[in-house]
Amino acid sequence: MTSLMIEQFTCRQDNFGVILHDPLSGETASIDAPDGAKVAGRLGDDEWKLTHLLITHHHPDHVEGIPALARDYAPKVIGPEAEASNIAGLTQTVSDGESFDFAGREVRVISTPGHTAGHICFYMPDEGLLFAGDTLFALGCGRLFEGSPADMHGSLARLVELPDETRVYCGHEYTQSNARFALSVDPDNEMLAKRAEEISDLRSKGLPTLPTTIGFEKRTNPFMRTGDPAIRKQLGMETSSDLEVFTELRRRKDSF
């Protein structure tokens, strides 16, 4: 089996578009549809035909391109069953634990409520790929618009169990601001400090900071390290529960 080709590109203000292409079958997927024209332009650059749209959640900056892409390419539009009433144009709905085929590869659906009530992530185990939408960001996590801290904490707990080498593609370029916050609650983490420097260098050159990996996030993302003694000491929450620590981290990040 040939390797998937993956193109990541910026669109809108800080969204990422991601296109997957299998050169053997010709099948091509877009992760979300933040900007139909931008996605179509990238497809046209390589003369690829869009066969799949994989939608993580219903927010406008992830679905506004669906109508134009559906009109021009007639792809399968696969998204969360729990948000079907809020996403026009879905041709297939999926729920937690289900899987489907893309270019001969298994795509598993992981329910990750928090950012929205019905958010899902797409995991390709054989490829070691996770498309996390707005649940997990490099050094951060999504703001809680519809779910509770317990929802998001539980969602991240599921993702942290994936193999360390899993490459993670996220919905936005938020890494530099996330790094500043992470350092404020974990100032003595040498790996985090080094990573923050690398991130600043990348952004100064206009380069993306993604993809990341589950392993990197387990070592540097405070939202995935609520049991870490150093973070707990910094917060003054040595005896608190993991959920209480997560809730405080999210509260501080919201006003950081």
Protein backbone atom coordinates (compact mmCIF):
# COMPACT_ATOMS: atom_id res chain seq x y z
CA MET A 1 0.00 0.00 0.00
CA THR A 2 1.34 3.40 -0.92
CA SER A 3 1.76 6.11 1.69
CA LEU A 4 -0.87 8.79 1.99
CA MET A 5 0.11 12.23 0.79
CA ILE A 6 -0.83 14.93 3.31
CA GLU A 7 -1.05 18.63 2.54
CA GLN A 8 -1.60 21.10 5.38
CA PHE A 9 -2.28 24.76 4.63
CA THR A 10 -3.60 27.84 6.36
CA CYS A 11 -6.95 29.39 5.54
CA ARG A 12 -9.27 32.00 6.99
CA GLN A 13 -7.42 33.75 9.81
CA ASP A 14 -5.80 30.89 11.68
CA ASN A 15 -7.54 27.69 10.54
CA PHE A 16 -5.67 24.79 9.06
CA GLY A 17 -6.91 22.91 6.04
CA VAL A 18 -5.69 19.34 5.63
CA ILE A 19 -6.00 17.24 2.49
CA LEU A 20 -5.24 13.51 2.33
CA HIS A 21 -4.56 11.84 -1.01
CA ASP A 22 -3.95 8.22 -1.91
CA PRO A 23 -2.02 8.17 -5.19
CA LEU A 24 -2.96 4.55 -5.90
CA SER A 25 -6.75 4.84 -5.67
CA GLY A 26 -7.03 8.57 -6.27
CA GLU A 27 -9.25 8.94 -3.21
CA THR A 28 -8.86 12.36 -1.60
CA ALA A 29 -10.25 13.68 1.65
CA SER A 30 -10.45 17.11 3.24
CA ILE A 31 -10.52 17.32 7.02
CA ASP A 32 -13.32 19.81 7.63
CA ALA A 33 -14.28 22.50 5.14
CA PRO A 34 -13.16 25.85 6.56
CA ASP A 35 -12.95 27.59 3.18
CA GLY A 36 -14.35 25.93 0.08
CA ALA A 37 -12.42 28.08 -2.38
CA LYS A 38 -9.11 27.53 -0.63
CA VAL A 39 -9.63 23.76 -0.44
CA ALA A 40 -10.68 23.65 -4.10
CA GLY A 41 -7.64 25.68 -5.06
CA ARG A 42 -5.29 23.25 -3.36
CA LEU A 43 -7.04 20.32 -4.99
CA GLY A 44 -6.69 22.01 -8.36
CA ASP A 45 -2.98 22.57 -7.87
CA ASP A 46 -2.50 18.79 -7.90
CA GLU A 47 -5.48 17.92 -10.11
CA TRP A 48 -7.02 15.85 -7.34
CA LYS A 49 -10.76 15.09 -7.11
CA LEU A 50 -12.29 15.37 -3.66
CA THR A 51 -13.98 12.08 -2.71
CA HIS A 52 -14.48 12.58 1.05
CA LEU A 53 -15.17 15.40 3.46
CA LEU A 54 -14.56 14.44 7.10
CA ILE A 55 -16.28 16.89 9.46
CA THR A 56 -15.31 17.11 13.14
CA HIS A 57 -17.95 19.53 14.44
CA HIS A 58 -20.55 22.10 13.45
CA HIS A 59 -18.82 25.45 13.98
CA PRO A 60 -18.99 27.69 10.90
CA ASP A 61 -15.22 27.89 10.40
CA HIS A 62 -15.22 24.11 9.91
CA VAL A 63 -18.30 23.65 7.73
CA GLU A 64 -18.81 26.78 5.62
CA GLY A 65 -17.09 25.21 2.62
CA ILE A 66 -19.36 22.17 2.48
CA PRO A 67 -21.95 23.54 0.00
CA ALA A 68 -19.41 24.65 -2.61
CA LEU A 69 -17.30 21.50 -2.33
CA ALA A 70 -20.38 19.27 -2.43
CA ARG A 71 -21.61 21.06 -5.54
CA ASP A 72 -18.30 20.82 -7.39
CA TYR A 73 -17.11 17.34 -6.36
CA ALA A 74 -20.08 15.41 -4.86
CA PRO A 75 -17.92 13.80 -2.14
CA LYS A 76 -19.07 11.64 0.73
CA VAL A 77 -19.63 14.10 3.57
CA ILE A 78 -19.11 12.25 6.85
CA GLY A 79 -19.73 13.90 10.21
CA PRO A 80 -20.98 13.42 13.76
CA GLU A 81 -24.40 11.89 14.22
CA ALA A 82 -24.80 13.96 17.39
CA GLU A 83 -24.53 17.20 15.40
CA ALA A 84 -26.34 16.14 12.23
CA SER A 85 -29.10 18.68 12.77
CA ASN A 86 -26.51 21.48 12.82
CA ILE A 87 -24.48 20.43 9.76
CA ALA A 88 -26.19 20.74 6.40
CA GLY A 89 -25.06 18.42 3.63
CA LEU A 90 -23.91 15.34 5.53
CA THR A 91 -24.31 12.16 3.50
CA GLN A 92 -23.17 9.81 6.28
CA THR A 93 -23.23 10.19 10.05
CA VAL A 94 -20.94 8.38 12.47
CA SER A 95 -20.73 7.89 16.21
CA ASP A 96 -18.16 6.90 18.80
CA GLY A 97 -16.52 3.53 18.18
CA GLU A 98 -17.64 3.24 14.58
CA SER A 99 -15.20 3.01 11.70
CA PHE A 100 -15.29 3.45 7.95
CA ASP A 101 -12.95 2.99 5.01
CA PHE A 102 -10.91 5.64 3.25
CA ALA A 103 -8.61 4.46 0.45
CA GLY A 104 -8.45 0.97 1.93
CA ARG A 105 -7.58 2.29 5.38
CA GLU A 106 -9.58 2.13 8.58
CA VAL A 107 -10.78 5.43 10.02
CA ARG A 108 -11.99 5.17 13.61
CA VAL A 109 -14.38 7.67 15.16
CA ILE A 110 -13.58 8.92 18.67
CA SER A 111 -16.22 10.99 20.46
CA THR A 112 -14.56 14.00 22.10
CA PRO A 113 -17.23 16.31 23.57
CA GLY A 114 -16.17 19.54 25.21
CA HIS A 115 -15.58 22.18 22.56
CA THR A 116 -18.98 21.22 21.18
CA ALA A 117 -21.36 18.62 22.54
CA GLY A 118 -20.97 16.24 19.61
CA HIS A 119 -17.37 16.82 18.49
CA ILE A 120 -15.55 13.82 17.02
CA CYS A 121 -11.96 13.07 16.05
CA PHE A 122 -10.82 10.82 13.22
CA TYR A 123 -8.07 8.29 14.00
CA MET A 124 -6.26 6.20 11.39
CA PRO A 125 -4.41 3.54 13.41
CA ASP A 126 -2.46 1.98 10.57
CA GLU A 127 -1.21 5.39 9.48
CA GLY A 128 -0.63 6.70 13.01
CA LEU A 129 -2.73 9.81 12.31
CA LEU A 130 -5.20 11.73 14.45
CA PHE A 131 -7.31 14.57 13.11
CA ALA A 132 -8.30 16.34 16.31
CA GLY A 133 -10.34 19.31 15.07
CA ASP A 134 -10.75 21.74 17.97
CA THR A 135 -10.44 19.21 20.80
CA LEU A 136 -6.67 18.92 21.14
CA PHE A 137 -4.27 21.66 20.09
CA ALA A 138 -0.51 21.72 20.34
CA LEU A 139 0.07 22.72 23.99
CA GLY A 140 -3.63 23.37 24.51
CA CYS A 141 -7.21 22.24 24.13
CA GLY A 142 -10.42 23.71 22.78
CA ARG A 143 -12.47 26.30 24.60
CA LEU A 144 -15.59 24.86 26.23
CA PHE A 145 -18.45 26.34 24.24
CA GLU A 146 -20.97 23.55 24.80
CA GLY A 147 -19.41 20.90 27.01
CA SER A 148 -18.24 20.83 30.60
CA PRO A 149 -14.72 20.59 32.02
CA ALA A 150 -15.50 16.95 32.79
CA ASP A 151 -16.41 16.36 29.14
CA MET A 152 -13.16 17.80 27.82
CA HIS A 153 -11.03 16.21 30.50
CA GLY A 154 -12.54 12.84 29.60
CA SER A 155 -11.99 13.46 25.89
CA LEU A 156 -8.32 14.27 26.37
CA ALA A 157 -7.95 11.21 28.60
CA ARG A 158 -9.02 9.09 25.63
CA LEU A 159 -6.57 10.75 23.27
CA VAL A 160 -3.64 10.47 25.67
CA GLU A 161 -4.01 6.68 25.42
CA LEU A 162 -3.10 6.69 21.72
CA PRO A 163 0.47 5.68 20.79
CA ASP A 164 3.10 8.35 21.44
CA GLU A 165 4.15 8.42 17.79
CA THR A 166 0.65 9.32 16.59
CA ARG A 167 0.86 12.47 14.48
CA VAL A 168 -1.78 15.01 15.42
CA TYR A 169 -3.30 17.52 13.01
CA CYS A 170 -5.39 20.25 14.66
CA GLY A 171 -7.88 22.81 13.44
CA HIS A 172 -5.97 26.01 14.26
CA GLU A 173 -2.54 27.59 14.59
CA TYR A 174 -2.73 28.52 18.27
CA THR A 175 0.57 27.03 19.39
CA GLN A 176 2.56 30.17 20.19
CA SER A 177 -0.09 31.62 22.51
CA ASN A 178 -0.62 28.18 24.02
CA ALA A 179 3.11 27.94 24.73
CA ARG A 180 3.06 31.21 26.65
CA PHE A 181 0.25 29.94 28.84
CA ALA A 182 1.85 26.52 29.31
CA LEU A 183 5.05 28.17 30.57
CA SER A 184 3.04 30.22 33.06
CA VAL A 185 1.80 27.07 34.79
CA ASP A 186 4.81 24.83 34.13
CA PRO A 187 7.82 27.18 34.17
CA ASP A 188 10.46 24.58 35.08
CA ASN A 189 9.67 22.11 32.30
CA GLU A 190 12.87 22.10 30.22
CA MET A 191 11.29 20.24 27.32
CA LEU A 192 8.47 22.79 27.22
CA ALA A 193 10.90 25.71 27.31
CA LYS A 194 12.89 24.25 24.43
CA ARG A 195 9.73 23.58 22.48
CA ALA A 196 8.54 27.16 23.04
CA GLU A 197 11.79 28.46 21.55
CA GLU A 198 11.39 26.21 18.51
CA ILE A 199 7.81 27.39 18.10
CA SER A 200 8.85 31.05 18.21
CA ASP A 201 11.48 30.38 15.55
CA LEU A 202 8.98 28.63 13.28
CA ARG A 203 6.41 31.40 13.62
CA SER A 204 9.00 34.12 12.99
CA LYS A 205 9.63 32.42 9.64
CA GLY A 206 5.93 32.08 8.88
CA LEU A 207 6.09 28.28 9.22
CA PRO A 208 3.43 26.07 10.83
CA THR A 209 3.97 24.45 14.21
CA LEU A 210 1.88 21.38 13.32
CA PRO A 211 1.59 18.47 13.19
CA THR A 212 2.50 17.57 16.73
CA THR A 213 2.52 14.10 18.30
CA ILE A 214 0.74 12.54 21.23
CA GLY A 215 4.14 11.96 22.83
CA PHE A 216 5.06 15.65 22.65
CA GLU A 217 1.71 16.63 24.12
CA LYS A 218 1.99 14.16 26.99
CA ARG A 219 5.26 15.81 27.99
CA THR A 220 4.50 19.48 27.40
CA ASN A 221 0.74 20.13 27.21
CA PRO A 222 -0.56 21.10 30.67
CA PHE A 223 -4.10 20.02 29.85
CA MET A 224 -2.87 16.46 29.33
CA ARG A 225 -0.73 16.50 32.49
CA THR A 226 -3.15 17.32 35.28
CA GLY A 227 -1.48 14.82 37.60
CA ASP A 228 1.98 16.39 37.26
CA PRO A 229 3.33 17.44 40.70
CA ALA A 230 5.10 20.53 39.34
CA ILE A 231 1.93 21.90 37.73
CA ARG A 232 -0.11 21.13 40.82
CA LYS A 233 2.44 22.94 43.01
CA GLN A 234 2.45 25.96 40.70
CA LEU A 235 -1.35 26.12 40.96
CA GLY A 236 -1.38 25.48 44.70
CA MET A 237 -3.54 22.38 44.08
CA GLU A 238 -1.35 19.54 45.33
CA THR A 239 -4.27 17.59 46.83
CA SER A 240 -6.93 18.42 44.23
CA SER A 241 -8.43 15.93 41.79
CA ASP A 242 -7.29 15.76 38.19
CA LEU A 243 -10.62 17.24 37.10
CA GLU A 244 -10.27 20.15 39.52
CA VAL A 245 -6.78 20.85 38.17
CA PHE A 246 -8.05 20.70 34.60
CA THR A 247 -10.94 23.04 35.43
CA GLU A 248 -8.56 25.58 36.94
CA LEU A 249 -6.21 25.36 33.95
CA ARG A 250 -9.08 25.97 31.54
CA ARG A 251 -10.37 28.86 33.66
CA ARG A 252 -6.94 30.52 33.65
CA LYS A 253 -6.44 29.96 29.93
CA ASP A 254 -9.81 31.56 29.16
CA SER A 255 -8.63 34.83 30.67
CA PHE A 256 -4.90 34.56 29.89
